[in-house]
């Protein structure tokens, strides 16, 4: 009986070691945006460059809009790179001299091959 009690006490003590500890809440200027979409605990609003220090709702909305727009442009650029590397090119010519899209190489080599 004493052995079972000792084992039970050891298990209970070791389980307490994995219990989450209380984290003190800090107050920052970013708490104004804690109810926005994408804010997650424990970090809250992630702003490592401090772009939103002393910012109002209008500035926050503008930065969020620009971030989404740039993300969409990056997705289209990635998709375009994958498609052209698969061998799919636009039909027709890239200039009036008759340089076809098919004659432009893929990847970084295309930067120097585009006619000016």
Foldseek 3Di string as FASTA:
>chain_A
DVVVVVVVVVVVVVVVVPDDDDDDDDDAPLVVCQVPPPQDPDVRDDDVPPPCHVHDPVSVVVVVVVVVVVVVVVVVVVVVLVCVVVPDFDAFAPDPVGHTRSVQDGDPSNVVVDDD
